[in-house]
Amino acid sequence: MPQSPGDTPLTSGERKALSIAFKQGYFEVPRQSTLTELGRRAGRVERGTV
């Protein structure tokens, strides 16, 4: 049975980016960091991931 898009597990790069985003307050209101800052912290993550 094919998986629906919502059932697809995260890649390691996506997991890393999400973890950094939470730790840096990206999801806070107001945001505590920007996508540019998250990208710098993530280092070698595919550009489309962040």
PDB file of N, CA and C in Angstrom:
ATOM      1  N   MET A   1       0.847  -1.183   0.000  1.00  0.00           N
ATOM      2  CA  MET A   1       0.000   0.000   0.000  1.00  0.00           C
ATOM      3  C   MET A   1       0.891   1.244   0.000  1.00  0.00           C
ATOM      4  N   PRO A   2       0.700   2.157  -0.961  1.00  0.00           N
ATOM      5  CA  PRO A   2       1.539   3.365  -1.012  1.00  0.00           C
ATOM      6  C   PRO A   2       1.296   4.273   0.184  1.00  0.00           C
ATOM      7  N   GLN A   3       2.357   4.942   0.575  1.00  0.00           N
ATOM      8  CA  GLN A   3       2.247   5.909   1.673  1.00  0.00           C
ATOM      9  C   GLN A   3       1.699   7.224   1.151  1.00  0.00           C
ATOM     10  N   SER A   4       0.933   7.898   1.994  1.00  0.00           N
ATOM     11  CA  SER A   4       0.494   9.245   1.636  1.00  0.00           C
ATOM     12  C   SER A   4       1.627  10.200   1.990  1.00  0.00           C
ATOM     13  N   PRO A   5       1.685  11.394   1.398  1.00  0.00           N
ATOM     14  CA  PRO A   5       2.779  12.326   1.686  1.00  0.00           C
ATOM     15  C   PRO A   5       2.953  12.620   3.179  1.00  0.00           C
ATOM     16  N   GLY A   6       1.885  12.621   3.944  1.00  0.00           N
ATOM     17  CA  GLY A   6       1.974  12.887   5.382  1.00  0.00           C
ATOM     18  C   GLY A   6       2.607  11.757   6.168  1.00  0.00           C
ATOM     19  N   ASP A   7       2.693  10.575   5.562  1.00  0.00           N
ATOM     20  CA  ASP A   7       3.270   9.414   6.243  1.00  0.00           C
ATOM     21  C   ASP A   7       4.768   9.262   5.985  1.00  0.00           C
ATOM     22  N   THR A   8       5.325  10.091   5.140  1.00  0.00           N
ATOM     23  CA  THR A   8       6.726   9.975   4.782  1.00  0.00           C
ATOM     24  C   THR A   8       7.594  10.493   5.920  1.00  0.00           C
ATOM     25  N   PRO A   9       8.555   9.681   6.363  1.00  0.00           N
ATOM     26  CA  PRO A   9       9.424  10.134   7.464  1.00  0.00           C
ATOM     27  C   PRO A   9      10.339  11.267   7.003  1.00  0.00           C
ATOM     28  N   LEU A  10      10.798  12.045   7.950  1.00  0.00           N
ATOM     29  CA  LEU A  10      11.717  13.145   7.654  1.00  0.00           C
ATOM     30  C   LEU A  10      13.102  12.600   7.328  1.00  0.00           C
ATOM     31  N   THR A  11      13.798  13.290   6.448  1.00  0.00           N
ATOM     32  CA  THR A  11      15.193  12.943   6.187  1.00  0.00           C
ATOM     33  C   THR A  11      16.030  13.442   7.363  1.00  0.00           C
ATOM     34  N   SER A  12      17.266  13.015   7.429  1.00  0.00           N
ATOM     35  CA  SER A  12      18.127  13.483   8.526  1.00  0.00           C
ATOM     36  C   SER A  12      18.351  14.992   8.430  1.00  0.00           C
ATOM     37  N   GLY A  13      18.461  15.527   7.213  1.00  0.00           N
ATOM     38  CA  GLY A  13      18.628  16.977   7.044  1.00  0.00           C
ATOM     39  C   GLY A  13      17.408  17.743   7.503  1.00  0.00           C
ATOM     40  N   GLU A  14      16.221  17.229   7.179  1.00  0.00           N
ATOM     41  CA  GLU A  14      14.982  17.879   7.618  1.00  0.00           C
ATOM     42  C   GLU A  14      14.853  17.835   9.130  1.00  0.00           C
ATOM     43  N   ARG A  15      15.220  16.696   9.732  1.00  0.00           N
ATOM     44  CA  ARG A  15      15.174  16.566  11.190  1.00  0.00           C
ATOM     45  C   ARG A  15      16.127  17.550  11.850  1.00  0.00           C
ATOM     46  N   LYS A  16      17.327  17.679  11.278  1.00  0.00           N
ATOM     47  CA  LYS A  16      18.326  18.610  11.815  1.00  0.00           C
ATOM     48  C   LYS A  16      17.811  20.049  11.729  1.00  0.00           C
ATOM     49  N   ALA A  17      17.265  20.427  10.573  1.00  0.00           N
ATOM     50  CA  ALA A  17      16.755  21.788  10.392  1.00  0.00           C
ATOM     51  C   ALA A  17      15.608  22.085  11.354  1.00  0.00           C
ATOM     52  N   LEU A  18      14.709  21.139  11.534  1.00  0.00           N
ATOM     53  CA  LEU A  18      13.578  21.328  12.439  1.00  0.00           C
ATOM     54  C   LEU A  18      14.051  21.461  13.883  1.00  0.00           C
ATOM     55  N   SER A  19      15.008  20.647  14.272  1.00  0.00           N
ATOM     56  CA  SER A  19      15.551  20.713  15.626  1.00  0.00           C
ATOM     57  C   SER A  19      16.207  22.064  15.887  1.00  0.00           C
ATOM     58  N   ILE A  20      17.002  22.532  14.937  1.00  0.00           N
ATOM     59  CA  ILE A  20      17.652  23.832  15.082  1.00  0.00           C
ATOM     60  C   ILE A  20      16.609  24.937  15.169  1.00  0.00           C
ATOM     61  N   ALA A  21      15.572  24.852  14.327  1.00  0.00           N
ATOM     62  CA  ALA A  21      14.517  25.871  14.326  1.00  0.00           C
ATOM     63  C   ALA A  21      13.834  25.960  15.689  1.00  0.00           C
ATOM     64  N   PHE A  22      13.527  24.814  16.285  1.00  0.00           N
ATOM     65  CA  PHE A  22      12.899  24.824  17.611  1.00  0.00           C
ATOM     66  C   PHE A  22      13.842  25.413  18.650  1.00  0.00           C
ATOM     67  N   LYS A  23      15.088  24.967  18.646  1.00  0.00           N
ATOM     68  CA  LYS A  23      16.061  25.435  19.636  1.00  0.00           C
ATOM     69  C   LYS A  23      16.339  26.929  19.524  1.00  0.00           C
ATOM     70  N   GLN A  24      16.283  27.467  18.312  1.00  0.00           N
ATOM     71  CA  GLN A  24      16.591  28.880  18.093  1.00  0.00           C
ATOM     72  C   GLN A  24      15.375  29.790  18.164  1.00  0.00           C
ATOM     73  N   GLY A  25      14.204  29.238  18.470  1.00  0.00           N
ATOM     74  CA  GLY A  25      13.018  30.056  18.664  1.00  0.00           C
ATOM     75  C   GLY A  25      12.320  30.500  17.393  1.00  0.00           C
ATOM     76  N   TYR A  26      12.549  29.781  16.290  1.00  0.00           N
ATOM     77  CA  TYR A  26      11.934  30.171  15.023  1.00  0.00           C
ATOM     78  C   TYR A  26      10.414  30.122  15.090  1.00  0.00           C
ATOM     79  N   PHE A  27       9.850  29.221  15.890  1.00  0.00           N
ATOM     80  CA  PHE A  27       8.405  29.064  15.959  1.00  0.00           C
ATOM     81  C   PHE A  27       7.761  29.898  17.065  1.00  0.00           C
ATOM     82  N   GLU A  28       8.563  30.692  17.759  1.00  0.00           N
ATOM     83  CA  GLU A  28       8.046  31.586  18.796  1.00  0.00           C
ATOM     84  C   GLU A  28       7.358  32.788  18.153  1.00  0.00           C
ATOM     85  N   VAL A  29       6.500  33.441  18.908  1.00  0.00           N
ATOM     86  CA  VAL A  29       5.865  34.685  18.441  1.00  0.00           C
ATOM     87  C   VAL A  29       6.232  35.774  19.430  1.00  0.00           C
ATOM     88  N   PRO A  30       6.974  36.783  19.036  1.00  0.00           N
ATOM     89  CA  PRO A  30       7.595  36.949  17.727  1.00  0.00           C
ATOM     90  C   PRO A  30       8.783  36.010  17.572  1.00  0.00           C
ATOM     91  N   ARG A  31       9.186  35.777  16.322  1.00  0.00           N
ATOM     92  CA  ARG A  31      10.301  34.864  16.036  1.00  0.00           C
ATOM     93  C   ARG A  31      11.577  35.357  16.703  1.00  0.00           C
ATOM     94  N   GLN A  32      12.357  34.396  17.191  1.00  0.00           N
ATOM     95  CA  GLN A  32      13.634  34.710  17.818  1.00  0.00           C
ATOM     96  C   GLN A  32      14.804  34.533  16.854  1.00  0.00           C
ATOM     97  N   SER A  33      14.537  34.005  15.652  1.00  0.00           N
ATOM     98  CA  SER A  33      15.584  33.842  14.645  1.00  0.00           C
ATOM     99  C   SER A  33      14.960  33.896  13.256  1.00  0.00           C
ATOM    100  N   THR A  34      15.802  34.053  12.247  1.00  0.00           N
ATOM    101  CA  THR A  34      15.334  34.130  10.865  1.00  0.00           C
ATOM    102  C   THR A  34      15.762  32.871  10.108  1.00  0.00           C
ATOM    103  N   LEU A  35      15.214  32.680   8.909  1.00  0.00           N
ATOM    104  CA  LEU A  35      15.633  31.549   8.078  1.00  0.00           C
ATOM    105  C   LEU A  35      17.109  31.643   7.720  1.00  0.00           C
ATOM    106  N   THR A  36      17.598  32.845   7.527  1.00  0.00           N
ATOM    107  CA  THR A  36      19.016  33.032   7.216  1.00  0.00           C
ATOM    108  C   THR A  36      19.878  32.535   8.370  1.00  0.00           C
ATOM    109  N   GLU A  37      19.499  32.897   9.594  1.00  0.00           N
ATOM    110  CA  GLU A  37      20.247  32.451  10.777  1.00  0.00           C
ATOM    111  C   GLU A  37      20.170  30.937  10.923  1.00  0.00           C
ATOM    112  N   LEU A  38      18.992  30.368  10.684  1.00  0.00           N
ATOM    113  CA  LEU A  38      18.850  28.912  10.782  1.00  0.00           C
ATOM    114  C   LEU A  38      19.725  28.222   9.746  1.00  0.00           C
ATOM    115  N   GLY A  39      19.743  28.760   8.540  1.00  0.00           N
ATOM    116  CA  GLY A  39      20.573  28.182   7.490  1.00  0.00           C
ATOM    117  C   GLY A  39      22.051  28.204   7.843  1.00  0.00           C
ATOM    118  N   ARG A  40      22.495  29.293   8.428  1.00  0.00           N
ATOM    119  CA  ARG A  40      23.903  29.387   8.847  1.00  0.00           C
ATOM    120  C   ARG A  40      24.219  28.358   9.931  1.00  0.00           C
ATOM    121  N   ARG A  41      23.311  28.203  10.876  1.00  0.00           N
ATOM    122  CA  ARG A  41      23.535  27.239  11.958  1.00  0.00           C
ATOM    123  C   ARG A  41      23.490  25.797  11.464  1.00  0.00           C
ATOM    124  N   ALA A  42      22.652  25.545  10.466  1.00  0.00           N
ATOM    125  CA  ALA A  42      22.483  24.184   9.958  1.00  0.00           C
ATOM    126  C   ALA A  42      23.724  23.715   9.204  1.00  0.00           C
ATOM    127  N   GLY A  43      24.486  24.646   8.652  1.00  0.00           N
ATOM    128  CA  GLY A  43      25.687  24.253   7.936  1.00  0.00           C
ATOM    129  C   GLY A  43      25.350  23.533   6.645  1.00  0.00           C
ATOM    130  N   ARG A  44      25.772  22.292   6.535  1.00  0.00           N
ATOM    131  CA  ARG A  44      25.601  21.539   5.294  1.00  0.00           C
ATOM    132  C   ARG A  44      24.268  20.801   5.264  1.00  0.00           C
ATOM    133  N   VAL A  45      23.219  21.541   5.010  1.00  0.00           N
ATOM    134  CA  VAL A  45      21.879  20.988   4.813  1.00  0.00           C
ATOM    135  C   VAL A  45      21.462  21.424   3.424  1.00  0.00           C
ATOM    136  N   GLU A  46      20.792  20.557   2.688  1.00  0.00           N
ATOM    137  CA  GLU A  46      20.337  20.925   1.347  1.00  0.00           C
ATOM    138  C   GLU A  46      19.559  22.231   1.400  1.00  0.00           C
ATOM    139  N   ARG A  47      19.787  23.091   0.435  1.00  0.00           N
ATOM    140  CA  ARG A  47      19.157  24.413   0.416  1.00  0.00           C
ATOM    141  C   ARG A  47      17.644  24.343   0.516  1.00  0.00           C
ATOM    142  N   GLY A  48      17.005  23.399  -0.145  1.00  0.00           N
ATOM    143  CA  GLY A  48      15.557  23.272  -0.126  1.00  0.00           C
ATOM    144  C   GLY A  48      14.991  22.813   1.207  1.00  0.00           C
ATOM    145  N   THR A  49      15.837  22.304   2.085  1.00  0.00           N
ATOM    146  CA  THR A  49      15.389  21.811   3.385  1.00  0.00           C
ATOM    147  C   THR A  49      15.013  22.953   4.303  1.00  0.00           C
ATOM    148  N   VAL A  50      15.779  24.039   4.258  1.00  0.00           N
ATOM    149  CA  VAL A  50      15.550  25.169   5.170  1.00  0.00           C
ATOM    150  C   VAL A  50      14.664  26.187   4.531  1.00  0.00           C
TER     151      VAL A  50
END
